[in-house]
PDB file of N, CA and C in Angstrom:
ATOM      1  N   MET A   1      88.600  84.659 110.514  1.00  0.00           N
ATOM      2  CA  MET A   1      88.552  85.756 110.052  1.00  0.00           C
ATOM      3  C   MET A   1      87.753  86.616 110.001  1.00  0.00           C
ATOM      4  N   LYS A   2      88.437  88.002 110.252  1.00  0.00           N
ATOM      5  CA  LYS A   2      87.836  89.107 110.350  1.00  0.00           C
ATOM      6  C   LYS A   2      87.775  90.012 108.902  1.00  0.00           C
ATOM      7  N   ILE A   3      86.460  90.639 108.590  1.00  0.00           N
ATOM      8  CA  ILE A   3      86.416  91.356 107.381  1.00  0.00           C
ATOM      9  C   ILE A   3      86.150  92.496 107.379  1.00  0.00           C
ATOM     10  N   VAL A   4      86.780  93.202 107.239  1.00  0.00           N
ATOM     11  CA  VAL A   4      86.360  94.897 107.119  1.00  0.00           C
ATOM     12  C   VAL A   4      86.080  95.715 105.524  1.00  0.00           C
ATOM     13  N   ARG A   5      85.426  96.880 105.878  1.00  0.00           N
ATOM     14  CA  ARG A   5      85.038  97.789 104.910  1.00  0.00           C
ATOM     15  C   ARG A   5      86.364  98.361 104.581  1.00  0.00           C
ATOM     16  N   LEU A   6      86.676  98.870 103.433  1.00  0.00           N
ATOM     17  CA  LEU A   6      87.958  99.423 103.068  1.00  0.00           C
ATOM     18  C   LEU A   6      87.662 100.817 103.675  1.00  0.00           C
ATOM     19  N   GLU A   7      86.954 101.291 103.793  1.00  0.00           N
ATOM     20  CA  GLU A   7      86.711 103.025 104.199  1.00  0.00           C
ATOM     21  C   GLU A   7      87.222 102.866 105.940  1.00  0.00           C
ATOM     22  N   ASP A   8      86.464 101.572 106.533  1.00  0.00           N
ATOM     23  CA  ASP A   8      87.278 101.477 108.058  1.00  0.00           C
ATOM     24  C   ASP A   8      88.379 101.285 108.301  1.00  0.00           C
ATOM     25  N   THR A   9      89.454 101.277 107.180  1.00  0.00           N
ATOM     26  CA  THR A   9      90.823 100.318 107.400  1.00  0.00           C
ATOM     27  C   THR A   9      91.703 102.003 107.262  1.00  0.00           C
ATOM     28  N   THR A  10      92.768 101.955 108.014  1.00  0.00           N
ATOM     29  CA  THR A  10      93.897 102.955 108.113  1.00  0.00           C
ATOM     30  C   THR A  10      94.673 102.992 107.154  1.00  0.00           C
ATOM     31  N   LEU A  11      95.097 103.872 106.390  1.00  0.00           N
ATOM     32  CA  LEU A  11      96.392 104.125 105.287  1.00  0.00           C
ATOM     33  C   LEU A  11      97.595 104.380 106.237  1.00  0.00           C
ATOM     34  N   GLU A  12      98.415 103.006 106.472  1.00  0.00           N
ATOM     35  CA  GLU A  12      99.482 103.013 107.025  1.00  0.00           C
ATOM     36  C   GLU A  12     100.821 103.363 106.144  1.00  0.00           C
ATOM     37  N   ASP A  13     101.601 104.445 106.452  1.00  0.00           N
ATOM     38  CA  ASP A  13     103.023 104.610 105.392  1.00  0.00           C
ATOM     39  C   ASP A  13     103.777 103.683 106.125  1.00  0.00           C
ATOM     40  N   VAL A  14     104.400 102.822 105.469  1.00  0.00           N
ATOM     41  CA  VAL A  14     105.446 101.647 106.060  1.00  0.00           C
ATOM     42  C   VAL A  14     106.546 102.046 106.175  1.00  0.00           C
ATOM     43  N   LYS A  15     107.300 102.740 106.837  1.00  0.00           N
ATOM     44  CA  LYS A  15     108.746 103.000 107.176  1.00  0.00           C
ATOM     45  C   LYS A  15     109.736 102.597 107.681  1.00  0.00           C
ATOM     46  N   HIS A  16     109.404 101.467 108.407  1.00  0.00           N
ATOM     47  CA  HIS A  16     110.479 100.657 109.070  1.00  0.00           C
ATOM     48  C   HIS A  16     110.608  99.567 108.227  1.00  0.00           C
ATOM     49  N   ARG A  17     111.390  99.310 107.251  1.00  0.00           N
ATOM     50  CA  ARG A  17     111.286  98.132 106.510  1.00  0.00           C
ATOM     51  C   ARG A  17     112.643  97.936 105.859  1.00  0.00           C
ATOM     52  N   PRO A  18     113.097  97.009 104.976  1.00  0.00           N
ATOM     53  CA  PRO A  18     114.323  96.683 104.813  1.00  0.00           C
ATOM     54  C   PRO A  18     114.192  97.159 103.111  1.00  0.00           C
ATOM     55  N   ARG A  19     113.312  98.093 102.795  1.00  0.00           N
ATOM     56  CA  ARG A  19     112.855  98.168 101.104  1.00  0.00           C
ATOM     57  C   ARG A  19     113.433  99.969 101.208  1.00  0.00           C
ATOM     58  N   GLN A  20     113.243  99.899 100.162  1.00  0.00           N
ATOM     59  CA  GLN A  20     113.839 101.585  99.438  1.00  0.00           C
ATOM     60  C   GLN A  20     112.391 102.224  99.240  1.00  0.00           C
ATOM     61  N   GLY A  21     112.212 103.524  98.851  1.00  0.00           N
ATOM     62  CA  GLY A  21     110.777 104.354  98.598  1.00  0.00           C
ATOM     63  C   GLY A  21     109.801 104.174  99.231  1.00  0.00           C
ATOM     64  N   ARG A  22     108.563 104.962  98.355  1.00  0.00           N
ATOM     65  CA  ARG A  22     107.338 105.122  99.374  1.00  0.00           C
ATOM     66  C   ARG A  22     106.511 103.847  99.152  1.00  0.00           C
ATOM     67  N   PHE A  23     106.111 103.513 100.591  1.00  0.00           N
ATOM     68  CA  PHE A  23     104.971 102.237 100.199  1.00  0.00           C
ATOM     69  C   PHE A  23     103.917 102.535 101.402  1.00  0.00           C
ATOM     70  N   GLU A  24     102.937 102.171 100.726  1.00  0.00           N
ATOM     71  CA  GLU A  24     101.481 102.384 101.765  1.00  0.00           C
ATOM     72  C   GLU A  24     100.443 100.978 101.844  1.00  0.00           C
ATOM     73  N   ARG A  25      99.702 100.814 102.822  1.00  0.00           N
ATOM     74  CA  ARG A  25      99.039  99.563 102.481  1.00  0.00           C
ATOM     75  C   ARG A  25      97.959  99.909 103.770  1.00  0.00           C
ATOM     76  N   ARG A  26      96.729  99.101 103.384  1.00  0.00           N
ATOM     77  CA  ARG A  26      96.001  99.022 104.042  1.00  0.00           C
ATOM     78  C   ARG A  26      95.408  97.363 104.411  1.00  0.00           C
ATOM     79  N   ARG A  27      95.611  97.039 105.574  1.00  0.00           N
ATOM     80  CA  ARG A  27      94.974  95.634 105.892  1.00  0.00           C
ATOM     81  C   ARG A  27      93.590  95.363 105.748  1.00  0.00           C
ATOM     82  N   LEU A  28      93.136  94.327 105.079  1.00  0.00           N
ATOM     83  CA  LEU A  28      91.591  94.477 104.689  1.00  0.00           C
ATOM     84  C   LEU A  28      91.095  92.923 105.481  1.00  0.00           C
ATOM     85  N   LEU A  29      92.351  91.564 105.407  1.00  0.00           N
ATOM     86  CA  LEU A  29      91.860  90.726 105.901  1.00  0.00           C
ATOM     87  C   LEU A  29      93.007  89.942 106.756  1.00  0.00           C
ATOM     88  N   GLU A  30      92.820  89.264 107.556  1.00  0.00           N
ATOM     89  CA  GLU A  30      94.296  88.848 108.320  1.00  0.00           C
ATOM     90  C   GLU A  30      93.436  87.368 109.242  1.00  0.00           C
ATOM     91  N   GLY A  31      94.240  86.048 108.697  1.00  0.00           N
ATOM     92  CA  GLY A  31      93.788  85.081 109.499  1.00  0.00           C
ATOM     93  C   GLY A  31      94.193  85.279 111.138  1.00  0.00           C
ATOM     94  N   GLU A  32      94.077  83.880 112.053  1.00  0.00           N
ATOM     95  CA  GLU A  32      94.493  83.881 113.498  1.00  0.00           C
ATOM     96  C   GLU A  32      96.113  83.796 113.325  1.00  0.00           C
ATOM     97  N   THR A  33      96.870  84.359 114.196  1.00  0.00           N
ATOM     98  CA  THR A  33      98.413  84.224 114.630  1.00  0.00           C
ATOM     99  C   THR A  33      98.278  82.898 114.812  1.00  0.00           C
ATOM    100  N   GLY A  34      99.531  82.295 114.162  1.00  0.00           N
ATOM    101  CA  GLY A  34      99.786  80.680 114.855  1.00  0.00           C
ATOM    102  C   GLY A  34      99.165  79.703 114.525  1.00  0.00           C
ATOM    103  N   THR A  35      97.985  79.804 113.556  1.00  0.00           N
ATOM    104  CA  THR A  35      97.292  78.671 113.045  1.00  0.00           C
ATOM    105  C   THR A  35      97.403  78.605 111.546  1.00  0.00           C
ATOM    106  N   PRO A  36      97.142  77.502 110.899  1.00  0.00           N
ATOM    107  CA  PRO A  36      97.214  77.203 109.657  1.00  0.00           C
ATOM    108  C   PRO A  36      96.487  78.189 109.091  1.00  0.00           C
ATOM    109  N   GLU A  37      95.673  78.708 109.411  1.00  0.00           N
ATOM    110  CA  GLU A  37      94.693  79.849 108.544  1.00  0.00           C
ATOM    111  C   GLU A  37      95.133  80.992 108.819  1.00  0.00           C
ATOM    112  N   ASN A  38      96.228  81.191 109.275  1.00  0.00           N
ATOM    113  CA  ASN A  38      97.155  82.639 109.564  1.00  0.00           C
ATOM    114  C   ASN A  38      97.390  83.347 107.950  1.00  0.00           C
ATOM    115  N   PHE A  39      96.709  84.523 107.729  1.00  0.00           N
ATOM    116  CA  PHE A  39      97.437  84.917 106.445  1.00  0.00           C
ATOM    117  C   PHE A  39      97.089  86.231 106.471  1.00  0.00           C
ATOM    118  N   HIS A  40      97.393  87.225 105.780  1.00  0.00           N
ATOM    119  CA  HIS A  40      97.384  88.728 105.591  1.00  0.00           C
ATOM    120  C   HIS A  40      96.808  88.888 104.089  1.00  0.00           C
ATOM    121  N   PHE A  41      96.107  89.781 103.894  1.00  0.00           N
ATOM    122  CA  PHE A  41      95.564  90.252 102.444  1.00  0.00           C
ATOM    123  C   PHE A  41      95.621  91.873 102.493  1.00  0.00           C
ATOM    124  N   GLN A  42      96.135  92.451 101.656  1.00  0.00           N
ATOM    125  CA  GLN A  42      96.461  93.671 101.956  1.00  0.00           C
ATOM    126  C   GLN A  42      96.385  94.448 100.708  1.00  0.00           C
ATOM    127  N   MET A  43      95.973  95.769 100.314  1.00  0.00           N
ATOM    128  CA  MET A  43      95.979  96.373  99.206  1.00  0.00           C
ATOM    129  C   MET A  43      97.211  97.645  99.899  1.00  0.00           C
ATOM    130  N   VAL A  44      98.074  97.673  98.442  1.00  0.00           N
ATOM    131  CA  VAL A  44      99.105  98.208  98.719  1.00  0.00           C
ATOM    132  C   VAL A  44      99.350  99.093  97.893  1.00  0.00           C
ATOM    133  N   ARG A  45     100.088 100.178  97.557  1.00  0.00           N
ATOM    134  CA  ARG A  45     100.485 101.385  96.662  1.00  0.00           C
ATOM    135  C   ARG A  45     101.666 101.582  96.777  1.00  0.00           C
ATOM    136  N   THR A  46     102.068 101.374  95.840  1.00  0.00           N
ATOM    137  CA  THR A  46     103.835 101.748  95.691  1.00  0.00           C
ATOM    138  C   THR A  46     104.385 103.075  94.878  1.00  0.00           C
ATOM    139  N   TYR A  47     105.055 103.915  95.286  1.00  0.00           N
ATOM    140  CA  TYR A  47     105.291 104.846  94.469  1.00  0.00           C
ATOM    141  C   TYR A  47     106.460 104.881  93.677  1.00  0.00           C
ATOM    142  N   GLY A  48     107.001 105.797  92.730  1.00  0.00           N
ATOM    143  CA  GLY A  48     108.142 105.451  91.731  1.00  0.00           C
ATOM    144  C   GLY A  48     109.481 105.309  92.283  1.00  0.00           C
ATOM    145  N   ASP A  49     109.526 105.896  93.904  1.00  0.00           N
ATOM    146  CA  ASP A  49     110.749 105.562  94.250  1.00  0.00           C
ATOM    147  C   ASP A  49     111.310 104.062  94.724  1.00  0.00           C
ATOM    148  N   PHE A  50     109.913 103.471  94.911  1.00  0.00           N
ATOM    149  CA  PHE A  50     109.961 102.264  95.589  1.00  0.00           C
ATOM    150  C   PHE A  50     110.685 101.007  94.906  1.00  0.00           C
ATOM    151  N   PHE A  51     111.582 100.078  95.487  1.00  0.00           N
ATOM    152  CA  PHE A  51     112.308  99.082  94.990  1.00  0.00           C
ATOM    153  C   PHE A  51     112.413  97.946  95.994  1.00  0.00           C
ATOM    154  N   SER A  52     112.270  96.676  95.360  1.00  0.00           N
ATOM    155  CA  SER A  52     112.181  95.709  96.166  1.00  0.00           C
ATOM    156  C   SER A  52     113.707  95.072  95.404  1.00  0.00           C
ATOM    157  N   PRO A  53     114.663  94.619  95.957  1.00  0.00           N
ATOM    158  CA  PRO A  53     115.718  93.582  95.567  1.00  0.00           C
ATOM    159  C   PRO A  53     115.201  92.059  95.257  1.00  0.00           C
ATOM    160  N   ARG A  54     115.297  91.455  94.508  1.00  0.00           N
ATOM    161  CA  ARG A  54     115.194  90.015  94.730  1.00  0.00           C
ATOM    162  C   ARG A  54     115.221  89.113  95.739  1.00  0.00           C
ATOM    163  N   HIS A  55     114.802  88.745  95.958  1.00  0.00           N
ATOM    164  CA  HIS A  55     114.518  88.176  97.299  1.00  0.00           C
ATOM    165  C   HIS A  55     113.324  86.767  97.897  1.00  0.00           C
ATOM    166  N   HIS A  56     113.466  86.063  98.710  1.00  0.00           N
ATOM    167  CA  HIS A  56     112.430  84.954  98.781  1.00  0.00           C
ATOM    168  C   HIS A  56     111.542  85.206 100.296  1.00  0.00           C
ATOM    169  N   HIS A  57     110.645  84.504 100.236  1.00  0.00           N
ATOM    170  CA  HIS A  57     109.798  84.205 101.919  1.00  0.00           C
ATOM    171  C   HIS A  57     109.678  82.882 101.862  1.00  0.00           C
ATOM    172  N   ASN A  58     109.299  82.319 103.114  1.00  0.00           N
ATOM    173  CA  ASN A  58     109.017  80.803 103.605  1.00  0.00           C
ATOM    174  C   ASN A  58     107.152  80.955 103.735  1.00  0.00           C
ATOM    175  N   PHE A  59     106.649  81.404 102.751  1.00  0.00           N
ATOM    176  CA  PHE A  59     105.345  81.473 102.687  1.00  0.00           C
ATOM    177  C   PHE A  59     104.832  81.964 101.249  1.00  0.00           C
ATOM    178  N   ASP A  60     103.661  81.498 100.489  1.00  0.00           N
ATOM    179  CA  ASP A  60     103.210  81.777  99.550  1.00  0.00           C
ATOM    180  C   ASP A  60     102.979  83.401  99.447  1.00  0.00           C
ATOM    181  N   GLN A  61     103.309  83.736  98.392  1.00  0.00           N
ATOM    182  CA  GLN A  61     102.775  85.391  98.224  1.00  0.00           C
ATOM    183  C   GLN A  61     102.307  85.555  97.033  1.00  0.00           C
ATOM    184  N   VAL A  62     101.640  86.353  96.719  1.00  0.00           N
ATOM    185  CA  VAL A  62     100.722  86.538  95.157  1.00  0.00           C
ATOM    186  C   VAL A  62     100.399  87.909  94.932  1.00  0.00           C
ATOM    187  N   ARG A  63     100.818  88.531  93.980  1.00  0.00           N
ATOM    188  CA  ARG A  63     100.561  89.989  93.609  1.00  0.00           C
ATOM    189  C   ARG A  63      99.254  90.203  92.782  1.00  0.00           C
ATOM    190  N   TYR A  64      98.514  91.021  92.383  1.00  0.00           N
ATOM    191  CA  TYR A  64      97.738  91.363  91.700  1.00  0.00           C
ATOM    192  C   TYR A  64      97.668  93.002  91.363  1.00  0.00           C
ATOM    193  N   GLN A  65      98.351  93.441  90.252  1.00  0.00           N
ATOM    194  CA  GLN A  65      98.696  94.669  89.865  1.00  0.00           C
ATOM    195  C   GLN A  65      97.293  95.271  89.154  1.00  0.00           C
ATOM    196  N   ILE A  66      96.652  96.489  89.906  1.00  0.00           N
ATOM    197  CA  ILE A  66      95.618  97.066  89.380  1.00  0.00           C
ATOM    198  C   ILE A  66      95.835  98.146  88.126  1.00  0.00           C
ATOM    199  N   GLU A  67      96.978  98.808  88.250  1.00  0.00           N
ATOM    200  CA  GLU A  67      97.042  99.880  87.576  1.00  0.00           C
ATOM    201  C   GLU A  67      98.625 100.349  87.789  1.00  0.00           C
ATOM    202  N   GLY A  68      99.081 101.166  86.260  1.00  0.00           N
ATOM    203  CA  GLY A  68     100.470 101.212  86.454  1.00  0.00           C
ATOM    204  C   GLY A  68     101.435 100.199  85.476  1.00  0.00           C
ATOM    205  N   THR A  69     102.750 100.499  85.520  1.00  0.00           N
ATOM    206  CA  THR A  69     103.859  99.710  85.089  1.00  0.00           C
ATOM    207  C   THR A  69     104.388  99.119  85.845  1.00  0.00           C
ATOM    208  N   PHE A  70     104.403  97.926  85.704  1.00  0.00           N
ATOM    209  CA  PHE A  70     105.658  97.103  86.244  1.00  0.00           C
ATOM    210  C   PHE A  70     106.873  96.619  86.113  1.00  0.00           C
ATOM    211  N   ILE A  71     107.772  97.106  86.649  1.00  0.00           N
ATOM    212  CA  ILE A  71     109.537  96.992  86.265  1.00  0.00           C
ATOM    213  C   ILE A  71     109.867  95.799  86.617  1.00  0.00           C
ATOM    214  N   SER A  72     110.196  94.445  85.588  1.00  0.00           N
ATOM    215  CA  SER A  72     110.612  93.330  86.196  1.00  0.00           C
ATOM    216  C   SER A  72     111.822  93.592  86.894  1.00  0.00           C
ATOM    217  N   ILE A  73     112.253  92.654  88.327  1.00  0.00           N
ATOM    218  CA  ILE A  73     113.340  92.451  88.400  1.00  0.00           C
ATOM    219  C   ILE A  73     114.559  92.368  87.230  1.00  0.00           C
ATOM    220  N   ALA A  74     114.558  91.864  86.189  1.00  0.00           N
ATOM    221  CA  ALA A  74     115.610  91.762  85.522  1.00  0.00           C
ATOM    222  C   ALA A  74     115.526  93.028  84.601  1.00  0.00           C
ATOM    223  N   THR A  75     115.222  93.975  84.631  1.00  0.00           N
ATOM    224  CA  THR A  75     115.427  95.608  83.856  1.00  0.00           C
ATOM    225  C   THR A  75     115.321  96.375  84.908  1.00  0.00           C
ATOM    226  N   ALA A  76     115.176  96.169  86.381  1.00  0.00           N
ATOM    227  CA  ALA A  76     115.121  97.106  87.276  1.00  0.00           C
ATOM    228  C   ALA A  76     116.770  97.552  87.435  1.00  0.00           C
ATOM    229  N   ARG A  77     117.085  99.029  87.699  1.00  0.00           N
ATOM    230  CA  ARG A  77     118.197  99.491  88.144  1.00  0.00           C
ATOM    231  C   ARG A  77     119.508  98.505  87.317  1.00  0.00           C
TER     232      ARG A  77
END
C-alpha cells in the first residue's frame, strides 16, 4: 500500500465516464493491481448536476458523506 499526503495528490476532473454532471477526485490509497489486496480509496467531490443511476459492481463499495445533502435513488429524478 502506498500512503500519500492530500497536498501531494492531484485533483482530477473526471470527464470520461458514463455518469452525468461534474465529478472530481483525489486518489489517496491504492492496493496492488491483480492481488487480493487491490483497492482504491479516493476523496470525491460531486456537484449539483451529478447523477448516477441505480447500478451494481462486482466489488464492495463504501461511501461516507462529509457534508451536503444526499438525494437517494428513490427520490432522484
